Protein backbone atom coordinates (compact mmCIF):
# COMPACT_ATOMS: atom_id res chain seq x y z
CA MET A 1 126.74 121.34 67.50
CA HIS A 2 127.55 118.09 65.67
CA GLU A 3 127.07 118.09 61.91
CA ASP A 4 125.54 114.60 62.12
CA ASN A 5 123.03 115.52 64.80
CA ASP A 6 120.24 113.79 62.87
CA ASN A 7 121.92 110.51 63.85
CA LEU A 8 122.28 111.33 67.54
CA ASP A 9 119.19 110.06 69.29
CA PHE A 10 117.89 107.79 72.02
CA GLU A 11 118.82 104.57 70.18
CA ASP A 12 122.48 104.91 71.17
CA LEU A 13 121.40 105.92 74.63
CA SER A 14 119.44 102.74 75.32
CA LYS A 15 122.61 100.72 74.63
CA PHE A 16 124.60 103.04 76.89
CA ASN A 17 122.04 102.52 79.66
CA LYS A 18 122.47 98.75 79.56
CA LYS A 19 126.25 99.01 79.84
CA LYS A 20 125.94 101.40 82.77
CA ASP A 21 123.54 99.50 85.02
CA LYS A 22 123.86 102.16 87.69
CA PHE A 23 122.40 104.84 85.45
CA PHE A 24 119.17 105.13 83.52
CA PHE A 25 118.30 108.15 81.46
CA PRO A 26 115.50 109.81 83.42
CA PHE A 27 111.99 109.41 82.09
CA THR A 28 111.43 113.14 82.49
CA GLY A 29 114.43 113.84 80.24
CA ILE A 30 112.74 112.45 77.12
CA VAL A 31 111.97 115.26 74.63
CA GLY A 32 108.45 115.23 73.15
CA GLN A 33 106.76 111.84 72.54
CA GLN A 34 103.83 112.83 74.74
CA ALA A 35 101.58 109.91 73.72
CA MET A 36 104.29 107.36 74.55
CA LYS A 37 105.05 108.95 77.90
CA LYS A 38 101.35 109.16 78.74
CA GLY A 39 100.86 105.47 77.92
CA LEU A 40 103.79 104.45 80.12
CA ILE A 41 102.54 106.63 82.98
CA LEU A 42 99.11 104.98 82.69
CA VAL A 43 100.54 101.46 83.01
CA SER A 44 102.66 102.64 85.96
CA ALA A 45 99.66 104.15 87.72
CA ASN A 46 97.41 101.15 87.12
CA PRO A 47 99.12 97.72 87.11
CA ARG A 48 95.81 96.17 86.01
CA ILE A 49 96.58 97.43 82.50
CA SER A 50 98.24 94.26 81.33
CA SER A 51 100.08 95.33 78.18
CA ILE A 52 101.24 98.19 76.00
CA ALA A 53 102.78 98.09 72.52
CA ILE A 54 105.00 101.02 71.51
CA ILE A 55 105.48 101.19 67.76
CA GLY A 56 107.87 103.53 65.97
CA GLU A 57 111.19 104.19 64.31
CA ASN A 58 114.53 103.60 65.99
CA GLY A 59 115.79 106.55 67.98
CA THR A 60 112.41 107.74 69.23
CA GLY A 61 113.09 106.76 72.84
CA LYS A 62 110.89 103.64 73.07
CA VAL A 63 113.35 101.54 75.06
CA THR A 64 114.93 104.47 76.89
CA ALA A 65 111.57 105.71 78.19
CA SER A 66 110.44 102.19 79.11
CA MET A 67 113.62 101.52 81.07
CA GLY A 68 113.23 104.90 82.75
CA LEU A 69 110.04 103.67 84.44
CA GLN A 70 112.15 101.79 86.96
CA ALA A 71 112.90 104.98 88.85
CA LEU A 72 109.19 105.82 89.12
CA LEU A 73 107.75 102.59 90.47
CA PRO A 74 106.84 102.19 94.16
CA ASP A 75 108.30 99.35 96.23
CA LEU A 76 106.41 96.09 96.76
CA GLU A 77 105.78 94.22 99.99
CA ILE A 78 106.63 90.53 99.69
CA SER A 79 107.41 87.57 101.93
CA THR A 80 111.04 86.52 102.39
CA HIS A 81 110.16 82.92 101.50
CA CYS A 82 108.50 83.82 98.18
CA SER A 83 110.21 83.99 94.77
CA SER A 84 107.07 85.16 92.95
CA ASN A 85 106.43 88.50 94.69
CA CYS A 86 103.03 87.31 95.91
CA ASP A 87 100.56 89.87 97.21
CA HIS A 88 99.43 88.32 100.50
CA SER A 89 96.36 90.51 100.63
CA ASN A 90 95.03 88.62 97.59
CA LYS A 91 94.57 84.97 98.54
CA LEU A 92 93.41 84.02 95.03
CA PHE A 93 96.83 84.71 93.55
CA LEU A 94 99.40 82.97 95.70
CA CYS A 95 102.21 80.66 94.64
CA ASP A 96 102.36 77.06 95.89
CA ILE A 97 104.91 78.00 98.56
CA CYS A 98 102.82 80.86 99.96
CA LYS A 99 99.77 78.61 100.09
CA GLU A 100 101.64 76.21 102.35
CA ILE A 101 103.63 78.59 104.58
CA GLU A 102 101.95 80.95 106.99
CA THR A 103 103.29 84.43 106.38
CA LYS A 104 104.05 86.40 109.53
CA GLU A 105 104.53 90.12 109.87
CA ASP A 106 108.27 89.64 110.40
CA ASP A 107 108.48 87.82 107.05
CA ILE A 108 107.34 90.89 105.06
CA VAL A 109 110.01 93.04 103.40
CA GLN A 110 109.97 95.79 100.81
CA ILE A 111 111.71 95.36 97.46
CA PRO A 112 111.83 97.42 94.26
CA THR A 113 109.18 96.54 91.70
CA SER A 114 110.61 93.96 89.28
CA PHE A 115 111.47 95.22 85.81
CA MET A 116 112.70 92.38 83.60
CA ILE A 117 114.12 92.74 80.08
CA LEU A 118 113.32 89.99 77.58
CA PRO A 119 115.76 90.23 74.66
CA VAL A 120 115.46 88.27 71.40
CA GLY A 121 116.55 84.66 71.82
CA THR A 122 115.80 84.24 75.53
CA SER A 123 115.33 80.54 76.33
CA LYS A 124 111.95 79.17 77.35
CA GLU A 125 113.42 77.92 80.64
CA ARG A 126 114.59 81.45 81.44
CA ILE A 127 111.14 82.84 80.62
CA PHE A 128 108.83 80.23 82.13
CA GLY A 129 111.01 78.55 84.76
CA THR A 130 112.25 75.01 85.21
CA PHE A 131 113.07 72.46 87.93
CA GLU A 132 116.17 71.17 89.64
CA LYS A 133 116.64 67.39 89.83
CA ASP A 134 115.28 67.41 93.38
CA GLY A 135 112.06 69.07 92.20
CA THR A 136 112.94 72.58 93.38
CA PHE A 137 111.30 75.18 91.16
CA VAL A 138 113.70 77.62 89.46
CA PRO A 139 111.65 80.76 88.75
CA GLY A 140 111.55 82.25 85.28
CA LEU A 141 111.09 85.84 84.21
CA ILE A 142 107.30 85.69 84.45
CA SER A 143 107.55 84.58 88.09
CA ILE A 144 110.11 87.21 89.05
CA ALA A 145 108.11 89.86 87.17
CA ASN A 146 104.86 89.16 89.03
CA ARG A 147 103.36 92.53 90.06
CA GLY A 148 106.07 94.11 87.92
CA TYR A 149 107.00 94.69 84.29
CA ILE A 150 108.52 92.78 81.38
CA LEU A 151 110.11 94.80 78.59
CA MET A 152 110.18 92.89 75.30
CA GLU A 153 112.45 94.77 72.93
CA ARG A 154 112.05 94.41 69.17
CA ALA A 155 108.94 92.35 69.75
CA ASN A 156 108.25 92.13 66.02
CA LEU A 157 111.44 90.05 65.69
CA GLN A 158 110.47 87.71 68.51
CA ASP A 159 108.48 84.49 68.23
CA GLU A 160 104.82 85.40 67.73
CA ASP A 161 103.70 82.30 69.62
CA LEU A 162 105.75 83.47 72.60
CA ILE A 163 104.01 86.86 72.56
CA LYS A 164 100.58 85.23 72.36
CA THR A 165 101.49 82.90 75.22
CA LEU A 166 102.64 85.79 77.42
CA LEU A 167 99.46 87.74 76.68
CA ASP A 168 97.33 84.65 77.43
CA ILE A 169 99.16 84.00 80.71
CA ARG A 170 98.69 87.61 81.76
CA SER A 171 94.98 87.45 80.99
CA THR A 172 94.55 84.72 83.62
CA GLY A 173 97.18 86.04 86.03
CA LEU A 174 98.37 82.52 86.94
CA TYR A 175 100.87 80.11 85.42
CA THR A 176 101.68 76.45 86.11
CA CYS A 177 105.15 75.28 85.13
CA LYS A 178 105.25 71.54 84.43
CA LYS A 179 108.06 69.09 83.78
CA GLY A 180 107.23 65.42 83.95
CA GLU A 181 105.45 64.82 87.26
CA MET A 182 106.73 68.10 88.72
CA SER A 183 104.60 71.24 88.71
CA PHE A 184 104.57 74.64 90.35
CA THR A 185 101.83 77.27 90.15
CA HIS A 186 102.49 80.95 90.74
CA PRO A 187 100.82 84.29 89.99
CA ALA A 188 101.93 86.06 86.80
CA GLN A 189 100.34 89.49 86.99
CA PHE A 190 102.99 91.38 85.08
CA THR A 191 102.61 94.24 82.62
CA LEU A 192 104.10 93.48 79.20
CA ILE A 193 105.77 96.43 77.45
CA ALA A 194 106.58 95.55 73.82
CA THR A 195 108.60 97.91 71.63
CA MET A 196 108.87 97.47 67.89
CA ASN A 197 109.96 99.11 64.65
CA LEU A 198 107.74 97.56 61.99
CA SER A 199 110.12 98.64 59.20
CA GLU A 200 112.53 95.99 60.54
CA GLY A 201 109.94 93.25 60.40
CA GLU A 202 106.17 93.00 60.42
CA MET A 203 103.97 91.68 63.19
CA ASP A 204 100.59 90.03 62.78
CA GLU A 205 97.93 92.73 63.16
CA ASP A 206 95.82 90.38 65.26
CA ILE A 207 98.62 90.11 67.81
CA ILE A 208 99.04 93.87 68.05
CA ARG A 209 95.31 94.12 68.67
CA GLN A 210 95.69 91.87 71.72
CA PHE A 211 97.58 94.64 73.54
CA GLN A 212 95.43 96.79 75.79
CA LEU A 213 97.24 99.99 74.83
CA VAL A 214 98.96 100.77 71.52
CA VAL A 215 100.91 103.99 71.00
CA HIS A 216 102.97 105.23 68.07
CA THR A 217 106.17 107.25 68.15
CA ARG A 218 107.57 109.33 65.30
CA SER A 219 110.93 110.94 64.76
CA ILE A 220 111.01 114.55 65.90
CA LYS A 221 111.54 116.90 62.95
CA ASP A 222 111.48 120.25 64.74
CA ILE A 223 115.08 121.53 64.62
CA GLU A 224 114.99 123.11 68.08
CA GLU A 225 113.69 119.92 69.65
CA ARG A 226 116.34 117.86 67.80
CA ILE A 227 119.07 120.15 69.11
CA GLU A 228 117.65 119.72 72.62
CA ILE A 229 117.72 115.91 72.21
CA VAL A 230 121.39 116.05 71.20
CA ARG A 231 122.20 118.35 74.12
CA ARG A 232 120.50 116.10 76.67
CA VAL A 233 121.96 112.85 75.34
CA GLU A 234 125.50 114.26 75.29
CA SER A 235 125.06 115.85 78.72
CA PHE A 236 123.91 112.53 80.19
CA LYS A 237 126.74 110.56 78.62
CA GLU A 238 129.31 113.09 79.85
CA ASP A 239 128.12 113.14 83.47
CA PRO A 240 125.11 110.92 84.35
CA ASP A 241 125.18 111.93 88.03
CA GLU A 242 124.93 115.63 87.28
CA PHE A 243 122.21 115.10 84.65
CA LEU A 244 120.15 112.98 87.04
CA GLU A 245 120.52 115.58 89.78
CA LYS A 246 119.16 118.27 87.44
CA ASN A 247 116.12 116.08 86.73
CA LYS A 248 115.64 114.93 90.31
CA ARG A 249 112.89 117.35 91.30
CA GLU A 250 110.72 116.61 88.26
CA LEU A 251 111.38 112.89 88.55
CA ASP A 252 110.53 112.85 92.26
CA GLY A 253 107.33 114.77 91.52
CA LEU A 254 106.24 112.22 88.92
CA LYS A 255 107.06 109.37 91.28
CA ILE A 256 104.79 110.94 93.90
CA VAL A 257 102.01 111.21 91.30
CA ILE A 258 102.31 107.50 90.46
CA ASP A 259 102.49 106.44 94.10
CA ASN A 260 99.44 108.55 94.93
CA SER A 261 97.62 107.21 91.86
CA ARG A 262 98.00 103.62 93.05
CA LYS A 263 96.58 104.58 96.44
CA LEU A 264 93.57 106.24 94.78
CA LEU A 265 92.99 103.38 92.35
CA GLU A 266 90.92 101.22 94.70
CA ARG A 267 88.49 104.13 95.20
CA ALA A 268 88.32 105.12 91.53
CA ASP A 269 84.83 104.90 90.08
CA ILE A 270 83.31 105.45 86.65
CA PRO A 271 79.91 107.15 86.94
CA SER A 272 77.06 106.17 84.64
CA LYS A 273 77.57 109.08 82.25
CA SER A 274 81.21 108.18 81.65
CA MET A 275 80.42 104.45 81.41
CA ASP A 276 77.73 105.23 78.84
CA ALA A 277 80.36 107.12 76.86
CA ILE A 278 82.62 104.05 76.89
CA ILE A 279 79.81 101.74 75.79
CA ASN A 280 78.69 104.11 73.03
CA ILE A 281 82.22 104.51 71.66
CA LEU A 282 82.57 100.73 71.47
CA LYS A 283 79.19 100.37 69.77
CA ASP A 284 79.85 103.18 67.30
CA ASN A 285 83.03 101.43 66.18
CA ASP A 286 81.49 97.93 66.10
CA ILE A 287 83.83 96.71 68.84
CA ASP A 288 81.85 94.30 70.97
CA ILE A 289 84.67 92.61 72.85
CA PRO A 290 84.53 92.37 76.66
CA LYS A 291 88.32 92.67 77.02
CA MET A 292 88.29 95.94 75.07
CA ARG A 293 85.65 97.27 77.44
CA ASP A 294 87.89 96.18 80.34
CA ALA A 295 90.84 97.95 78.73
CA MET A 296 88.80 101.13 78.34
CA VAL A 297 87.70 100.95 81.98
CA GLU A 298 91.19 100.37 83.40
CA ALA A 299 92.80 103.04 81.20
CA THR A 300 90.08 105.51 82.15
CA LYS A 301 90.63 104.80 85.84
CA ALA A 302 94.38 105.26 85.39
CA ASN A 303 93.85 108.60 83.66
CA THR A 304 91.49 109.65 86.45
CA VAL A 305 93.85 108.89 89.32
CA ILE A 306 96.91 110.50 87.72
CA ASN A 307 94.76 113.63 87.62
CA ASP A 308 94.35 113.24 91.41
CA SER A 309 90.68 112.28 91.22
CA THR A 310 88.59 109.18 91.89
CA TRP A 311 85.60 110.23 89.78
CA ALA A 312 86.12 109.51 86.07
CA SER A 313 84.90 112.24 83.73
CA ILE A 314 84.01 112.02 80.05
CA GLU A 315 87.26 113.90 79.42
CA ASP A 316 89.14 111.07 81.10
CA VAL A 317 87.51 108.65 78.66
CA ALA A 318 88.25 110.87 75.66
CA GLU A 319 91.94 111.16 76.52
CA ILE A 320 92.57 107.40 76.39
CA VAL A 321 90.36 106.32 73.47
CA ASP A 322 93.05 106.51 70.81
CA MET A 323 95.51 104.43 72.86
CA VAL A 324 92.98 101.69 73.52
CA LEU A 325 90.93 101.65 70.32
CA GLY A 326 92.97 103.55 67.72
CA HIS A 327 94.49 100.46 66.18
CA HIS A 328 91.14 98.64 66.11
CA ILE A 329 89.41 101.59 64.47
CA GLU A 330 92.15 102.02 61.85
CA LYS A 331 91.96 98.31 61.07
CA GLY A 332 88.21 98.46 60.64
CA GLN A 333 88.39 101.50 58.38
CA SER A 334 90.98 99.85 56.13
CA LYS A 335 88.71 96.91 55.32
């Protein structure tokens, strides 16, 4: 075992992943960090959860786990003429091209769910799109990520106005890119995953509170778990193919859970007893904000369907309260 094993963690691994595009450390290989993994599974099971902030020290697997979601996400059906991954079953959220062109059955293809990474310093044109001289729209990240995911690393070091803009766009689900007399409207129903280490730079509390889910990670102190982290990281770096093969069964099982959850989602219901629990929790904590009620409802439904049910129980509500309201409650108690 390495003498400096305290310094061997998932921080190095996330950089390794980016250099080796073919390989991503499997989500199921992350040691511990149950709250973080649960939050990421919830946003995978229910794309209506618009955002999650993951806050914690470097090396706790925030980026590695987030990138690992790519192997769990089901494919999307899109039209070959569309650059915004429009869902043609939802006529309210179509891009300008899909509104004009009749989509035929032969035009529909399956593609992997988009998972876009938004590093510090990304240009506005790259994020929001722009136009060629002839008026052709060049899609940005938020167009390509429609019905998918955007990972914003080190969000606390990014422009706060950019984060607020992304959260505002996601709340409407539509975006119009304008340049002079040119404009193009497209759906922007992505899920924003923001990772941050607040010891590197603070973020406005009010912005953090705009995220529907907030989870915290902490460095693992248990020596046996730390040894297991070192073993897994080194094993993956030495032979990614073999490591992935060893995790294949568990990874495939989780992918089936997420795929099944999305199929159950449309039938998921929150009975009156569970809805009363949600309303009472909000009242007890003086949180009278419709969007927080929506967040509680969507997170509860996600928790219900990943448990292979369509009937939300009070336990389903209890299991997601801290992720949705924990930061709001802590803020209120500190006043």
